[in-house]
Amino acid sequence: MSIKHIENLSLNPFFCSDILHHFLCGYKNQKIDIGLIYLVLPFIYYKDTRNLLISANKRSDIYTLFKDKKDNRVSLVGMQERIKFFREYTNQSLVVGHNEKKFWVDKQISVLEKVNYKQIKSEQIRDYFRAAHYLGIILSKYDYKDVFIKLGVTTV
């Protein structure tokens, strides 16, 4: 029972909408196809991929972070299942973020207000937001369909 309570706290749509917001700000404030947003929470909530993203920089890409080293490739195993697990959390977070006017949701998503992870005082929370920001930077370097092909994701 207590695990369910912890899950409710950590996966609440208000915090998750902040994660999505930081991802969108990293995505260079472009409009993005809604399908990409379903990749964010599976990357950020999985410790191995989050840690890789925390260490990312502006020059990082999918290959340097996730494909070049065998240990890093392993972090992508199970991504399809993670996407399925986080789908409803992502939907709830999109509603919250849209209603709080952080971003506009339609067939594409666009940022309405910029945020900066560096202004967050809590190191643990800042790590989540930094990882989301750099995921946005990394994915913005690729065409929408190429992201899914390179990550081996077939559906969102």
N, C-alpha and C. Protein backbone atom coordinates (compact mmCIF):
# COMPACT_ATOMS: atom_id res chain seq x y z
N MET A 1 0.82 -1.19 0.00
CA MET A 1 0.00 0.00 0.00
C MET A 1 0.87 1.26 0.00
N SER A 2 1.93 1.29 0.78
CA SER A 2 2.77 2.49 0.84
C SER A 2 3.50 2.74 -0.48
N ILE A 3 3.79 1.69 -1.24
CA ILE A 3 4.43 1.87 -2.55
C ILE A 3 3.50 2.62 -3.48
N LYS A 4 2.22 2.36 -3.41
CA LYS A 4 1.23 3.06 -4.24
C LYS A 4 1.21 4.54 -3.87
N HIS A 5 1.34 4.86 -2.59
CA HIS A 5 1.36 6.25 -2.15
C HIS A 5 2.61 6.96 -2.65
N ILE A 6 3.74 6.29 -2.60
CA ILE A 6 4.98 6.87 -3.11
C ILE A 6 4.86 7.10 -4.61
N GLU A 7 4.29 6.15 -5.33
CA GLU A 7 4.08 6.31 -6.77
C GLU A 7 3.18 7.51 -7.05
N ASN A 8 2.12 7.66 -6.28
CA ASN A 8 1.22 8.80 -6.48
C ASN A 8 1.92 10.13 -6.26
N LEU A 9 2.82 10.19 -5.29
CA LEU A 9 3.56 11.42 -5.02
C LEU A 9 4.56 11.73 -6.13
N SER A 10 5.34 10.74 -6.53
CA SER A 10 6.41 11.00 -7.49
C SER A 10 5.90 11.12 -8.91
N LEU A 11 4.78 10.50 -9.21
CA LEU A 11 4.25 10.54 -10.57
C LEU A 11 3.02 11.45 -10.67
N ASN A 12 2.91 12.40 -9.78
CA ASN A 12 1.74 13.27 -9.86
C ASN A 12 1.83 14.14 -11.11
N PRO A 13 0.71 14.45 -11.72
CA PRO A 13 0.72 15.17 -13.00
C PRO A 13 1.27 16.59 -12.92
N PHE A 14 1.30 17.18 -11.74
CA PHE A 14 1.83 18.53 -11.61
C PHE A 14 3.36 18.52 -11.75
N PHE A 15 4.00 17.58 -11.05
CA PHE A 15 5.46 17.45 -11.18
C PHE A 15 5.83 16.98 -12.58
N CYS A 16 5.09 16.01 -13.10
CA CYS A 16 5.37 15.50 -14.45
C CYS A 16 5.18 16.58 -15.51
N SER A 17 4.21 17.47 -15.32
CA SER A 17 4.03 18.56 -16.29
C SER A 17 5.22 19.51 -16.25
N ASP A 18 5.84 19.67 -15.08
CA ASP A 18 7.07 20.47 -14.99
C ASP A 18 8.21 19.80 -15.75
N ILE A 19 8.29 18.49 -15.67
CA ILE A 19 9.31 17.75 -16.42
C ILE A 19 9.10 17.95 -17.92
N LEU A 20 7.85 17.82 -18.37
CA LEU A 20 7.54 18.03 -19.79
C LEU A 20 7.87 19.46 -20.21
N HIS A 21 7.59 20.41 -19.33
CA HIS A 21 7.86 21.83 -19.60
C HIS A 21 9.36 22.06 -19.82
N HIS A 22 10.19 21.47 -18.99
CA HIS A 22 11.64 21.62 -19.15
C HIS A 22 12.13 20.93 -20.43
N PHE A 23 11.54 19.80 -20.76
CA PHE A 23 11.87 19.15 -22.04
C PHE A 23 11.57 20.08 -23.21
N LEU A 24 10.38 20.68 -23.19
CA LEU A 24 9.97 21.57 -24.29
C LEU A 24 10.87 22.79 -24.39
N CYS A 25 11.34 23.31 -23.27
CA CYS A 25 12.25 24.45 -23.30
C CYS A 25 13.61 24.05 -23.87
N GLY A 26 14.03 22.84 -23.60
CA GLY A 26 15.26 22.34 -24.21
C GLY A 26 15.12 22.10 -25.69
N TYR A 27 13.89 21.88 -26.14
CA TYR A 27 13.62 21.60 -27.54
C TYR A 27 13.63 22.87 -28.39
N LYS A 28 14.24 23.90 -27.91
CA LYS A 28 14.43 25.16 -28.64
C LYS A 28 13.12 25.88 -28.95
N ASN A 29 12.13 25.68 -28.11
CA ASN A 29 10.83 26.35 -28.26
C ASN A 29 10.18 26.18 -29.62
N GLN A 30 10.53 25.13 -30.32
CA GLN A 30 9.86 24.83 -31.57
C GLN A 30 8.57 24.10 -31.25
N LYS A 31 7.66 24.12 -32.19
CA LYS A 31 6.49 23.27 -32.05
C LYS A 31 6.95 21.84 -32.31
N ILE A 32 6.50 20.92 -31.48
CA ILE A 32 6.90 19.53 -31.69
C ILE A 32 5.66 18.66 -31.87
N ASP A 33 5.84 17.58 -32.60
CA ASP A 33 4.75 16.62 -32.75
C ASP A 33 4.46 15.98 -31.41
N ILE A 34 3.21 15.79 -31.14
CA ILE A 34 2.79 15.30 -29.83
C ILE A 34 3.37 13.93 -29.49
N GLY A 35 3.67 13.10 -30.47
CA GLY A 35 4.21 11.77 -30.21
C GLY A 35 5.52 11.79 -29.44
N LEU A 36 6.34 12.82 -29.67
CA LEU A 36 7.64 12.89 -28.98
C LEU A 36 7.50 13.05 -27.48
N ILE A 37 6.44 13.68 -27.05
CA ILE A 37 6.28 13.96 -25.62
C ILE A 37 6.12 12.66 -24.82
N TYR A 38 5.69 11.59 -25.49
CA TYR A 38 5.50 10.31 -24.80
C TYR A 38 6.83 9.60 -24.51
N LEU A 39 7.93 10.14 -25.02
CA LEU A 39 9.25 9.59 -24.73
C LEU A 39 9.84 10.17 -23.44
N VAL A 40 9.37 11.32 -23.04
CA VAL A 40 10.02 12.08 -21.97
C VAL A 40 10.00 11.34 -20.63
N LEU A 41 8.85 11.03 -20.11
CA LEU A 41 8.77 10.41 -18.78
C LEU A 41 9.48 9.06 -18.73
N PRO A 42 9.37 8.21 -19.76
CA PRO A 42 10.13 6.95 -19.72
C PRO A 42 11.65 7.16 -19.64
N PHE A 43 12.15 8.20 -20.26
CA PHE A 43 13.58 8.51 -20.17
C PHE A 43 13.94 9.07 -18.80
N ILE A 44 13.15 9.98 -18.30
CA ILE A 44 13.49 10.72 -17.08
C ILE A 44 13.30 9.87 -15.83
N TYR A 45 12.27 9.05 -15.79
CA TYR A 45 12.03 8.25 -14.59
C TYR A 45 12.85 6.98 -14.51
N TYR A 46 13.52 6.61 -15.57
CA TYR A 46 14.41 5.45 -15.53
C TYR A 46 15.80 5.95 -15.18
N LYS A 47 16.31 5.53 -14.03
CA LYS A 47 17.54 6.07 -13.46
C LYS A 47 18.73 6.03 -14.43
N ASP A 48 18.90 4.93 -15.17
CA ASP A 48 20.06 4.81 -16.06
C ASP A 48 20.03 5.86 -17.16
N THR A 49 18.88 6.05 -17.81
CA THR A 49 18.82 7.05 -18.87
C THR A 49 18.85 8.46 -18.29
N ARG A 50 18.24 8.66 -17.13
CA ARG A 50 18.29 9.99 -16.51
C ARG A 50 19.73 10.37 -16.18
N ASN A 51 20.51 9.44 -15.62
CA ASN A 51 21.89 9.74 -15.28
C ASN A 51 22.73 10.07 -16.52
N LEU A 52 22.47 9.38 -17.61
CA LEU A 52 23.18 9.70 -18.86
C LEU A 52 22.81 11.10 -19.33
N LEU A 53 21.55 11.46 -19.22
CA LEU A 53 21.10 12.79 -19.66
C LEU A 53 21.62 13.90 -18.75
N ILE A 54 21.76 13.61 -17.47
CA ILE A 54 22.31 14.62 -16.55
C ILE A 54 23.74 14.97 -16.95
N SER A 55 24.47 13.99 -17.47
CA SER A 55 25.86 14.24 -17.87
C SER A 55 25.99 14.78 -19.30
N ALA A 56 24.87 14.98 -19.98
CA ALA A 56 24.89 15.45 -21.37
C ALA A 56 25.32 16.91 -21.47
N ASN A 57 25.71 17.29 -22.68
CA ASN A 57 25.98 18.70 -22.98
C ASN A 57 25.35 19.02 -24.33
N LYS A 58 25.52 20.25 -24.80
CA LYS A 58 24.86 20.69 -26.04
C LYS A 58 25.31 19.89 -27.26
N ARG A 59 26.50 19.32 -27.21
CA ARG A 59 27.01 18.55 -28.35
C ARG A 59 26.58 17.08 -28.32
N SER A 60 25.98 16.65 -27.23
CA SER A 60 25.54 15.27 -27.11
C SER A 60 24.45 14.96 -28.13
N ASP A 61 24.42 13.70 -28.56
CA ASP A 61 23.35 13.24 -29.43
C ASP A 61 22.97 11.82 -29.04
N ILE A 62 22.04 11.25 -29.76
CA ILE A 62 21.57 9.90 -29.42
C ILE A 62 22.72 8.91 -29.43
N TYR A 63 23.62 9.04 -30.40
CA TYR A 63 24.72 8.08 -30.51
C TYR A 63 25.73 8.23 -29.37
N THR A 64 26.16 9.46 -29.09
CA THR A 64 27.18 9.64 -28.06
C THR A 64 26.65 9.27 -26.67
N LEU A 65 25.35 9.46 -26.45
CA LEU A 65 24.80 9.17 -25.13
C LEU A 65 24.34 7.73 -24.97
N PHE A 66 23.67 7.20 -25.99
CA PHE A 66 22.99 5.92 -25.81
C PHE A 66 23.50 4.78 -26.67
N LYS A 67 24.27 5.05 -27.69
CA LYS A 67 24.60 3.99 -28.64
C LYS A 67 26.08 3.61 -28.67
N ASP A 68 26.98 4.54 -28.37
CA ASP A 68 28.41 4.28 -28.52
C ASP A 68 28.96 3.23 -27.56
N LYS A 69 28.45 3.20 -26.35
CA LYS A 69 28.95 2.24 -25.35
C LYS A 69 27.89 1.18 -25.08
N LYS A 70 28.34 -0.05 -24.93
CA LYS A 70 27.43 -1.16 -24.70
C LYS A 70 26.56 -0.94 -23.46
N ASP A 71 27.18 -0.49 -22.37
CA ASP A 71 26.43 -0.25 -21.13
C ASP A 71 25.33 0.79 -21.34
N ASN A 72 25.60 1.78 -22.17
CA ASN A 72 24.61 2.82 -22.43
C ASN A 72 23.48 2.30 -23.31
N ARG A 73 23.79 1.42 -24.25
CA ARG A 73 22.75 0.83 -25.11
C ARG A 73 21.76 0.01 -24.27
N VAL A 74 22.27 -0.63 -23.24
CA VAL A 74 21.41 -1.44 -22.37
C VAL A 74 20.32 -0.58 -21.72
N SER A 75 20.60 0.69 -21.48
CA SER A 75 19.62 1.57 -20.84
C SER A 75 18.37 1.77 -21.70
N LEU A 76 18.46 1.48 -22.99
CA LEU A 76 17.30 1.64 -23.88
C LEU A 76 16.43 0.39 -23.94
N VAL A 77 16.92 -0.72 -23.38
CA VAL A 77 16.15 -1.96 -23.38
C VAL A 77 14.87 -1.75 -22.57
N GLY A 78 13.76 -2.17 -23.12
CA GLY A 78 12.47 -2.03 -22.44
C GLY A 78 11.80 -0.69 -22.64
N MET A 79 12.33 0.14 -23.52
CA MET A 79 11.76 1.48 -23.72
C MET A 79 10.30 1.39 -24.16
N GLN A 80 9.99 0.47 -25.04
CA GLN A 80 8.61 0.34 -25.53
C GLN A 80 7.64 0.07 -24.38
N GLU A 81 8.04 -0.79 -23.45
CA GLU A 81 7.19 -1.09 -22.29
C GLU A 81 7.08 0.11 -21.36
N ARG A 82 8.17 0.84 -21.21
CA ARG A 82 8.14 2.05 -20.36
C ARG A 82 7.19 3.09 -20.94
N ILE A 83 7.22 3.25 -22.25
CA ILE A 83 6.33 4.21 -22.91
C ILE A 83 4.87 3.84 -22.63
N LYS A 84 4.57 2.56 -22.73
CA LYS A 84 3.21 2.09 -22.48
C LYS A 84 2.81 2.37 -21.02
N PHE A 85 3.73 2.10 -20.08
CA PHE A 85 3.46 2.32 -18.66
C PHE A 85 3.18 3.79 -18.37
N PHE A 86 3.95 4.70 -18.98
CA PHE A 86 3.86 6.13 -18.67
C PHE A 86 2.83 6.88 -19.53
N ARG A 87 2.16 6.19 -20.42
CA ARG A 87 1.23 6.86 -21.34
C ARG A 87 0.16 7.67 -20.60
N GLU A 88 -0.51 7.05 -19.64
CA GLU A 88 -1.58 7.75 -18.93
C GLU A 88 -1.03 8.90 -18.08
N TYR A 89 0.13 8.70 -17.45
CA TYR A 89 0.77 9.78 -16.69
C TYR A 89 1.10 10.96 -17.60
N THR A 90 1.56 10.66 -18.81
CA THR A 90 1.87 11.72 -19.77
C THR A 90 0.60 12.46 -20.17
N ASN A 91 -0.48 11.73 -20.43
CA ASN A 91 -1.75 12.37 -20.79
C ASN A 91 -2.22 13.31 -19.69
N GLN A 92 -2.17 12.85 -18.45
CA GLN A 92 -2.59 13.69 -17.33
C GLN A 92 -1.71 14.93 -17.21
N SER A 93 -0.42 14.75 -17.42
CA SER A 93 0.53 15.86 -17.32
C SER A 93 0.33 16.88 -18.43
N LEU A 94 -0.04 16.41 -19.60
CA LEU A 94 -0.34 17.32 -20.72
C LEU A 94 -1.54 18.20 -20.38
N VAL A 95 -2.56 17.61 -19.77
CA VAL A 95 -3.75 18.37 -19.38
C VAL A 95 -3.38 19.43 -18.35
N VAL A 96 -2.60 19.04 -17.34
CA VAL A 96 -2.20 19.98 -16.29
C VAL A 96 -1.35 21.11 -16.88
N GLY A 97 -0.34 20.78 -17.67
CA GLY A 97 0.52 21.80 -18.26
C GLY A 97 -0.22 22.75 -19.17
N HIS A 98 -1.16 22.22 -19.93
CA HIS A 98 -1.98 23.06 -20.82
C HIS A 98 -2.88 23.98 -19.98
N ASN A 99 -3.53 23.42 -18.96
CA ASN A 99 -4.43 24.21 -18.12
C ASN A 99 -3.69 25.28 -17.32
N GLU A 100 -2.44 25.00 -16.95
CA GLU A 100 -1.64 25.98 -16.20
C GLU A 100 -0.90 26.94 -17.13
N LYS A 101 -1.18 26.82 -18.43
CA LYS A 101 -0.62 27.71 -19.46
C LYS A 101 0.91 27.69 -19.52
N LYS A 102 1.47 26.49 -19.28
CA LYS A 102 2.91 26.29 -19.44
C LYS A 102 3.22 26.04 -20.91
N PHE A 103 2.33 25.28 -21.55
CA PHE A 103 2.49 24.97 -22.97
C PHE A 103 1.11 24.76 -23.58
N TRP A 104 1.07 24.89 -24.91
CA TRP A 104 -0.17 24.73 -25.65
C TRP A 104 -0.17 23.34 -26.29
N VAL A 105 -1.25 22.60 -26.09
CA VAL A 105 -1.34 21.24 -26.63
C VAL A 105 -2.41 21.19 -27.72
N ASP A 106 -2.00 20.72 -28.86
CA ASP A 106 -2.89 20.47 -29.99
C ASP A 106 -2.28 19.27 -30.71
N LYS A 107 -2.29 19.22 -32.02
CA LYS A 107 -1.58 18.16 -32.73
C LYS A 107 -0.08 18.33 -32.53
N GLN A 108 0.30 19.56 -32.26
CA GLN A 108 1.68 19.87 -31.90
C GLN A 108 1.65 20.59 -30.55
N ILE A 109 2.81 20.61 -29.89
CA ILE A 109 2.91 21.26 -28.58
C ILE A 109 3.91 22.40 -28.70
N SER A 110 3.57 23.53 -28.11
CA SER A 110 4.49 24.66 -28.10
C SER A 110 4.55 25.28 -26.71
N VAL A 111 5.71 25.79 -26.36
CA VAL A 111 5.94 26.39 -25.05
C VAL A 111 5.30 27.77 -25.01
N LEU A 112 4.61 28.07 -23.92
CA LEU A 112 4.03 29.40 -23.73
C LEU A 112 4.88 30.24 -22.78
N GLU A 113 5.63 29.57 -21.93
CA GLU A 113 6.43 30.27 -20.92
C GLU A 113 7.73 29.49 -20.74
N LYS A 114 8.86 30.18 -20.80
CA LYS A 114 10.16 29.52 -20.66
C LYS A 114 10.50 29.30 -19.19
N VAL A 115 11.21 28.19 -18.94
CA VAL A 115 11.72 27.90 -17.60
C VAL A 115 13.18 27.49 -17.73
N ASN A 116 13.92 27.61 -16.64
CA ASN A 116 15.33 27.26 -16.63
C ASN A 116 15.62 26.37 -15.42
N TYR A 117 16.08 25.16 -15.69
CA TYR A 117 16.35 24.20 -14.60
C TYR A 117 17.40 24.72 -13.62
N LYS A 118 18.27 25.62 -14.05
CA LYS A 118 19.35 26.13 -13.19
C LYS A 118 18.81 26.95 -12.02
N GLN A 119 17.58 27.39 -12.09
CA GLN A 119 17.00 28.20 -11.02
C GLN A 119 16.39 27.36 -9.90
N ILE A 120 16.40 26.05 -10.06
CA ILE A 120 15.81 25.16 -9.06
C ILE A 120 16.84 24.91 -7.96
N LYS A 121 16.44 25.12 -6.72
CA LYS A 121 17.36 25.00 -5.60
C LYS A 121 17.63 23.54 -5.21
N SER A 122 16.61 22.71 -5.24
CA SER A 122 16.77 21.30 -4.84
C SER A 122 17.57 20.55 -5.90
N GLU A 123 18.69 19.96 -5.48
CA GLU A 123 19.56 19.26 -6.42
C GLU A 123 18.86 18.06 -7.08
N GLN A 124 18.08 17.32 -6.30
CA GLN A 124 17.41 16.14 -6.84
C GLN A 124 16.38 16.54 -7.91
N ILE A 125 15.59 17.55 -7.63
CA ILE A 125 14.60 18.01 -8.60
C ILE A 125 15.29 18.63 -9.80
N ARG A 126 16.33 19.41 -9.55
CA ARG A 126 17.09 20.03 -10.64
C ARG A 126 17.64 18.96 -11.59
N ASP A 127 18.09 17.82 -11.06
CA ASP A 127 18.59 16.73 -11.91
C ASP A 127 17.50 16.22 -12.86
N TYR A 128 16.29 16.07 -12.37
CA TYR A 128 15.19 15.63 -13.23
C TYR A 128 14.95 16.66 -14.35
N PHE A 129 14.92 17.93 -13.97
CA PHE A 129 14.65 18.97 -14.95
C PHE A 129 15.81 19.15 -15.93
N ARG A 130 17.03 19.02 -15.45
CA ARG A 130 18.20 19.11 -16.34
C ARG A 130 18.17 17.97 -17.36
N ALA A 131 17.88 16.77 -16.89
CA ALA A 131 17.80 15.62 -17.78
C ALA A 131 16.73 15.85 -18.84
N ALA A 132 15.58 16.36 -18.44
CA ALA A 132 14.50 16.63 -19.39
C ALA A 132 14.93 17.70 -20.39
N HIS A 133 15.59 18.74 -19.92
CA HIS A 133 16.06 19.82 -20.80
C HIS A 133 17.02 19.27 -21.86
N TYR A 134 17.96 18.47 -21.43
CA TYR A 134 18.94 17.93 -22.37
C TYR A 134 18.34 16.87 -23.29
N LEU A 135 17.34 16.17 -22.83
CA LEU A 135 16.63 15.27 -23.74
C LEU A 135 15.98 16.09 -24.85
N GLY A 136 15.43 17.22 -24.49
CA GLY A 136 14.85 18.12 -25.50
C GLY A 136 15.88 18.60 -26.50
N ILE A 137 17.04 19.01 -26.01
CA ILE A 137 18.11 19.46 -26.90
C ILE A 137 18.52 18.34 -27.85
N ILE A 138 18.69 17.15 -27.31
CA ILE A 138 19.15 16.01 -28.11
C ILE A 138 18.12 15.63 -29.17
N LEU A 139 16.86 15.51 -28.78
CA LEU A 139 15.84 15.07 -29.73
C LEU A 139 15.54 16.13 -30.78
N SER A 140 15.79 17.41 -30.46
CA SER A 140 15.53 18.47 -31.44
C SER A 140 16.51 18.42 -32.62
N LYS A 141 17.55 17.65 -32.49
CA LYS A 141 18.55 17.53 -33.56
C LYS A 141 18.11 16.57 -34.67
N TYR A 142 16.99 15.87 -34.46
CA TYR A 142 16.56 14.82 -35.39
C TYR A 142 15.15 15.08 -35.89
N ASP A 143 14.88 14.54 -37.06
CA ASP A 143 13.53 14.53 -37.59
C ASP A 143 12.66 13.64 -36.70
N TYR A 144 11.41 13.98 -36.59
CA TYR A 144 10.46 13.27 -35.74
C TYR A 144 10.53 11.75 -35.92
N LYS A 145 10.42 11.27 -37.13
CA LYS A 145 10.42 9.82 -37.38
C LYS A 145 11.77 9.19 -37.09
N ASP A 146 12.85 9.91 -37.34
CA ASP A 146 14.20 9.38 -37.10
C ASP A 146 14.43 9.09 -35.62
N VAL A 147 13.84 9.88 -34.75
CA VAL A 147 13.99 9.66 -33.30
C VAL A 147 13.52 8.26 -32.94
N PHE A 148 12.36 7.89 -33.42
CA PHE A 148 11.79 6.59 -33.09
C PHE A 148 12.60 5.46 -33.70
N ILE A 149 13.07 5.65 -34.92
CA ILE A 149 13.88 4.62 -35.58
C ILE A 149 15.18 4.42 -34.81
N LYS A 150 15.86 5.50 -34.47
CA LYS A 150 17.15 5.41 -33.78
C LYS A 150 17.02 4.80 -32.38
N LEU A 151 15.87 5.03 -31.74
CA LEU A 151 15.66 4.49 -30.39
C LEU A 151 15.01 3.10 -30.41
N GLY A 152 14.59 2.65 -31.58
CA GLY A 152 13.96 1.33 -31.69
C GLY A 152 12.56 1.28 -31.14
N VAL A 153 11.88 2.43 -31.17
CA VAL A 153 10.51 2.53 -30.66
C VAL A 153 9.55 2.42 -31.85
N THR A 154 8.57 1.53 -31.73
CA THR A 154 7.65 1.34 -32.86
C THR A 154 6.33 2.08 -32.69
N THR A 155 5.84 2.20 -31.46
CA THR A 155 4.57 2.91 -31.22
C THR A 155 4.65 3.72 -29.93
N VAL A 156 3.83 4.78 -29.88
CA VAL A 156 3.75 5.57 -28.65
C VAL A 156 2.34 5.57 -28.12
